[in-house]
Amino acid sequence: MSTELMSQKKDLSSKEPKEKDPSTLSITDHLEELRKRLWIVIVTILATSVAGFYLSDRLIEWLKRPAGDTLPKLSFFSPAEAIIAYLNTSLAFGIGIASPILLYELWAFIRPGLTARERQYGFGFVVSGTLLFFAGAAFAYWILLPSSLKFLIGFGSRNLQPVISITHYLSFTLTVILACGIVFEFPLAIFFLTKLGIVTPRLLRHNWRMAYLSMIVVAAVVTPTQDPINLILMTVPLLLLYEISIAVSAFASRRRKDV
């Protein structure tokens, strides 16, 4: 009787769907999986962007606040420029709101190639990635943009009358916000690079001079102005992120050895 039950359990277990071994997947299988994930991402961004379009007026008013009283009334110089500006704002809003889904789909794509222990980090990957992205966006909105915009707009106000295109203004502010959001994902990237054995805490500590120089270059690229104050405002958080990344790498390295 017991042998019959065991054989039945084996038959049932053999019928259960099993996750494919990533090493056995063909290029076509990987491309099909990537296509499926990309469609989910596209549909999600479209849905959130449509919602953002109905909030465009509020979003543009919100994006004008960092400039304060120095910002004149925004202008547009072609019939289609205003609606394009609204669409770009909606798209940026859609990407930001959809970021947890984007991170989850990224995780779902790379998950089959991870070990059983590493697959447990999925929830933390999505949550920490989302929080870091919004932390970077908040830093850009409340700290970096106010000082940068007031400096840039007020620079020639004594002799010049600023006439700012809505497209250029929104492109400027949204680029800075999204760029800071992406840059703040650095500790999360270091965590997974350490898990994969590509990066170690010792390597990060040993190359701190080169890393600091790279951070200054990144800060100079991301910072809207090249004046020393705004450059420092961007460089200091990046250096702190690097030091945090060393601690994150040390934590990931210890967990990796325990596996």
Protein backbone atom coordinates (compact mmCIF):
# COMPACT_ATOMS: atom_id res chain seq x y z
CA MET A 1 0.00 0.00 0.00
CA SER A 2 2.77 2.41 0.94
CA THR A 3 4.60 1.68 -2.31
CA GLU A 4 1.44 2.56 -4.29
CA LEU A 5 1.10 5.87 -2.43
CA MET A 6 4.75 6.71 -3.08
CA SER A 7 4.38 5.93 -6.78
CA GLN A 8 1.26 8.10 -6.96
CA LYS A 9 3.10 11.01 -5.30
CA LYS A 10 5.92 10.64 -7.80
CA ASP A 11 3.43 10.72 -10.67
CA LEU A 12 1.76 13.84 -9.26
CA SER A 13 5.08 15.60 -8.64
CA SER A 14 6.21 14.80 -12.16
CA LYS A 15 3.07 16.50 -13.50
CA GLU A 16 3.68 19.74 -11.52
CA PRO A 17 5.11 22.62 -13.60
CA LYS A 18 8.78 23.18 -12.95
CA GLU A 19 10.81 26.29 -13.55
CA LYS A 20 13.14 25.81 -16.46
CA ASP A 21 16.85 25.61 -15.81
CA PRO A 22 18.31 28.86 -17.25
CA SER A 23 21.31 26.94 -18.56
CA THR A 24 19.00 24.92 -20.83
CA LEU A 25 17.13 27.93 -22.23
CA SER A 26 17.87 28.84 -25.82
CA ILE A 27 18.44 32.34 -27.14
CA THR A 28 14.90 32.26 -28.49
CA ASP A 29 13.53 31.45 -25.02
CA HIS A 30 15.47 34.36 -23.49
CA LEU A 31 14.25 36.73 -26.21
CA GLU A 32 10.67 35.56 -25.73
CA GLU A 33 10.93 36.16 -21.97
CA LEU A 34 12.44 39.59 -22.60
CA ARG A 35 9.65 40.42 -25.06
CA LYS A 36 7.01 39.48 -22.50
CA ARG A 37 8.62 41.61 -19.78
CA LEU A 38 9.02 44.58 -22.14
CA TRP A 39 5.35 44.46 -23.10
CA ILE A 40 4.33 44.53 -19.45
CA VAL A 41 6.64 47.52 -18.90
CA ILE A 42 5.29 49.37 -21.95
CA VAL A 43 1.64 48.79 -21.03
CA THR A 44 2.30 49.88 -17.43
CA ILE A 45 4.05 53.09 -18.50
CA LEU A 46 1.27 53.88 -20.98
CA ALA A 47 -1.40 53.40 -18.29
CA THR A 48 0.40 55.57 -15.72
CA SER A 49 1.21 58.18 -18.39
CA VAL A 50 -2.47 58.47 -19.31
CA ALA A 51 -3.23 59.10 -15.66
CA GLY A 52 -0.41 61.65 -15.60
CA PHE A 53 -1.85 63.50 -18.60
CA TYR A 54 -4.98 64.37 -16.60
CA LEU A 55 -2.71 65.73 -13.86
CA SER A 56 -0.42 67.63 -16.24
CA ASP A 57 -1.52 71.11 -15.13
CA ARG A 58 -0.80 70.31 -11.50
CA LEU A 59 2.47 68.57 -12.37
CA ILE A 60 3.73 71.58 -14.34
CA GLU A 61 2.81 73.93 -11.50
CA TRP A 62 4.64 71.58 -9.14
CA LEU A 63 7.73 71.57 -11.38
CA LYS A 64 7.74 75.39 -11.47
CA ARG A 65 7.99 75.72 -7.69
CA PRO A 66 11.77 75.09 -7.32
CA ALA A 67 12.47 78.24 -9.36
CA GLY A 68 10.36 80.39 -7.04
CA ASP A 69 9.72 84.01 -7.98
CA THR A 70 12.64 84.13 -10.43
CA LEU A 71 10.74 82.12 -13.05
CA PRO A 72 8.71 84.21 -15.52
CA LYS A 73 5.58 82.90 -17.19
CA LEU A 74 6.57 80.02 -19.45
CA SER A 75 6.13 80.45 -23.20
CA PHE A 76 5.75 78.22 -26.24
CA PHE A 77 6.95 79.05 -29.75
CA SER A 78 5.12 76.60 -31.98
CA PRO A 79 1.53 75.35 -32.14
CA ALA A 80 2.48 71.83 -31.04
CA GLU A 81 5.04 72.76 -28.37
CA ALA A 82 2.57 73.06 -25.49
CA ILE A 83 0.96 69.66 -26.00
CA ILE A 84 4.38 68.03 -26.51
CA ALA A 85 5.47 69.52 -23.18
CA TYR A 86 2.36 68.10 -21.53
CA LEU A 87 3.00 64.68 -23.07
CA ASN A 88 6.63 64.68 -21.92
CA THR A 89 5.54 65.58 -18.39
CA SER A 90 2.97 62.78 -18.44
CA LEU A 91 5.58 60.28 -19.64
CA ALA A 92 8.05 61.27 -16.92
CA PHE A 93 5.30 60.96 -14.32
CA GLY A 94 4.34 57.56 -15.73
CA ILE A 95 7.92 56.26 -15.53
CA GLY A 96 8.29 57.46 -11.95
CA ILE A 97 5.01 55.98 -10.73
CA ALA A 98 5.63 52.74 -12.62
CA SER A 99 9.16 52.32 -11.21
CA PRO A 100 8.16 49.53 -8.74
CA ILE A 101 6.68 47.53 -11.63
CA LEU A 102 9.75 48.21 -13.78
CA LEU A 103 12.04 46.97 -11.01
CA TYR A 104 9.88 43.90 -10.46
CA GLU A 105 9.95 42.99 -14.16
CA LEU A 106 13.72 43.44 -14.19
CA TRP A 107 13.96 41.14 -11.19
CA ALA A 108 11.61 38.59 -12.77
CA PHE A 109 13.80 38.52 -15.88
CA ILE A 110 17.09 37.88 -14.03
CA ARG A 111 15.56 35.66 -11.31
CA PRO A 112 15.93 32.30 -13.15
CA GLY A 113 19.70 32.81 -13.26
CA LEU A 114 20.00 33.29 -9.49
CA THR A 115 20.45 30.75 -6.73
CA ALA A 116 17.58 29.77 -4.43
CA ARG A 117 19.10 31.95 -1.67
CA GLU A 118 19.49 34.96 -3.95
CA ARG A 119 15.90 34.71 -5.16
CA GLN A 120 14.76 35.64 -1.65
CA TYR A 121 16.00 39.21 -2.21
CA GLY A 122 13.25 40.03 -4.73
CA PHE A 123 11.04 42.00 -2.33
CA GLY A 124 14.02 43.93 -0.95
CA PHE A 125 15.25 44.66 -4.48
CA VAL A 126 11.93 46.24 -5.52
CA VAL A 127 11.37 48.15 -2.26
CA SER A 128 14.92 49.46 -1.87
CA GLY A 129 15.18 50.33 -5.56
CA THR A 130 11.94 52.29 -5.40
CA LEU A 131 12.93 54.13 -2.23
CA LEU A 132 16.38 55.01 -3.61
CA PHE A 133 14.87 56.31 -6.85
CA PHE A 134 12.41 58.57 -5.04
CA ALA A 135 15.12 59.68 -2.60
CA GLY A 136 17.22 60.84 -5.55
CA ALA A 137 14.22 62.57 -7.14
CA ALA A 138 13.40 64.31 -3.85
CA PHE A 139 17.01 65.45 -3.48
CA ALA A 140 16.91 66.96 -6.99
CA TYR A 141 13.56 68.68 -6.42
CA TRP A 142 14.07 70.17 -2.97
CA ILE A 143 17.83 70.79 -2.89
CA LEU A 144 19.55 70.78 -6.28
CA LEU A 145 16.96 72.43 -8.54
CA PRO A 146 16.08 75.46 -6.34
CA SER A 147 19.67 76.64 -6.09
CA SER A 148 20.45 75.82 -9.73
CA LEU A 149 17.39 77.49 -11.22
CA LYS A 150 17.68 80.65 -9.14
CA PHE A 151 21.35 80.95 -10.12
CA LEU A 152 20.75 80.35 -13.83
CA ILE A 153 17.65 82.53 -14.24
CA GLY A 154 18.97 85.34 -12.07
CA PHE A 155 22.42 85.36 -13.69
CA GLY A 156 21.56 87.75 -16.52
CA SER A 157 18.39 89.31 -15.17
CA ARG A 158 19.98 92.76 -14.77
CA ASN A 159 20.52 93.24 -18.50
CA LEU A 160 18.35 90.53 -20.06
CA GLN A 161 14.68 89.63 -19.98
CA PRO A 162 14.21 85.86 -19.54
CA VAL A 163 11.76 84.30 -22.00
CA ILE A 164 11.80 80.59 -21.25
CA SER A 165 10.23 77.92 -23.41
CA ILE A 166 8.04 75.44 -21.55
CA THR A 167 9.71 72.60 -23.46
CA HIS A 168 13.21 73.67 -22.43
CA TYR A 169 12.22 74.29 -18.82
CA LEU A 170 10.46 70.95 -18.37
CA SER A 171 13.22 69.10 -20.20
CA PHE A 172 15.75 70.68 -17.84
CA THR A 173 13.90 69.93 -14.60
CA LEU A 174 12.70 66.43 -15.54
CA THR A 175 16.16 65.41 -16.76
CA VAL A 176 17.73 66.48 -13.47
CA ILE A 177 15.07 64.68 -11.40
CA LEU A 178 15.25 61.43 -13.37
CA ALA A 179 19.06 61.51 -13.51
CA CYS A 180 19.33 61.92 -9.73
CA GLY A 181 16.82 59.13 -9.23
CA ILE A 182 18.94 56.77 -11.35
CA VAL A 183 22.23 57.83 -9.75
CA PHE A 184 20.85 57.08 -6.29
CA GLU A 185 20.40 53.43 -7.36
CA PHE A 186 24.19 53.01 -7.06
CA PRO A 187 24.20 51.13 -3.70
CA LEU A 188 21.64 48.66 -5.03
CA ALA A 189 23.76 48.00 -8.12
CA ILE A 190 26.82 47.45 -5.91
CA PHE A 191 24.89 44.95 -3.78
CA PHE A 192 24.10 42.73 -6.75
CA LEU A 193 27.52 43.15 -8.35
CA THR A 194 28.98 41.90 -5.07
CA LYS A 195 26.55 38.98 -5.05
CA LEU A 196 27.74 38.06 -8.54
CA GLY A 197 31.36 38.21 -7.43
CA ILE A 198 32.22 41.10 -9.77
CA VAL A 199 32.83 43.65 -6.99
CA THR A 200 34.31 43.23 -3.50
CA PRO A 201 34.55 45.64 -0.54
CA ARG A 202 38.33 45.44 -0.77
CA LEU A 203 38.24 46.51 -4.42
CA LEU A 204 36.01 49.48 -3.59
CA ARG A 205 38.22 50.60 -0.71
CA HIS A 206 41.43 50.14 -2.71
CA ASN A 207 40.18 52.24 -5.64
CA TRP A 208 38.55 55.03 -3.62
CA ARG A 209 40.68 57.75 -5.27
CA MET A 210 39.57 56.78 -8.76
CA ALA A 211 36.00 56.35 -7.52
CA TYR A 212 35.96 59.81 -5.93
CA LEU A 213 37.28 61.34 -9.16
CA SER A 214 34.58 59.50 -11.11
CA MET A 215 31.93 60.77 -8.70
CA ILE A 216 33.07 64.35 -9.24
CA VAL A 217 32.86 63.85 -13.01
CA VAL A 218 29.35 62.37 -12.67
CA ALA A 219 28.33 65.27 -10.44
CA ALA A 220 29.64 67.75 -13.01
CA VAL A 221 27.59 66.03 -15.73
CA VAL A 222 24.39 65.75 -13.70
CA THR A 223 24.60 69.18 -12.07
CA PRO A 224 22.73 71.74 -14.19
CA THR A 225 25.23 74.51 -13.45
CA GLN A 226 28.99 74.50 -13.09
CA ASP A 227 29.23 76.91 -10.17
CA PRO A 228 31.06 75.50 -7.10
CA ILE A 229 28.04 75.57 -4.76
CA ASN A 230 25.81 73.38 -6.91
CA LEU A 231 28.72 71.11 -7.78
CA ILE A 232 29.36 70.55 -4.07
CA LEU A 233 25.63 69.99 -3.44
CA MET A 234 25.72 67.11 -5.92
CA THR A 235 29.19 65.76 -5.15
CA VAL A 236 28.76 65.32 -1.39
CA PRO A 237 25.71 63.00 -1.67
CA LEU A 238 27.50 60.95 -4.35
CA LEU A 239 30.53 60.49 -2.10
CA LEU A 240 28.22 59.46 0.74
CA LEU A 241 26.53 56.99 -1.60
CA TYR A 242 29.92 55.50 -2.41
CA GLU A 243 30.75 55.04 1.28
CA ILE A 244 27.31 53.50 1.84
CA SER A 245 27.97 51.21 -1.12
CA ILE A 246 31.17 49.93 0.53
CA ALA A 247 29.16 49.00 3.63
CA VAL A 248 26.47 47.41 1.43
CA SER A 249 29.14 45.44 -0.43
CA ALA A 250 30.66 44.23 2.85
CA PHE A 251 27.23 43.05 4.00
CA ALA A 252 26.53 41.30 0.69
CA SER A 253 29.97 39.70 0.74
CA ARG A 254 29.42 38.21 4.21
CA ARG A 255 26.00 36.86 3.21
CA ARG A 256 27.53 35.39 0.05
CA LYS A 257 30.13 33.47 2.04
CA ASP A 258 27.42 32.05 4.31
CA VAL A 259 25.63 30.46 1.36
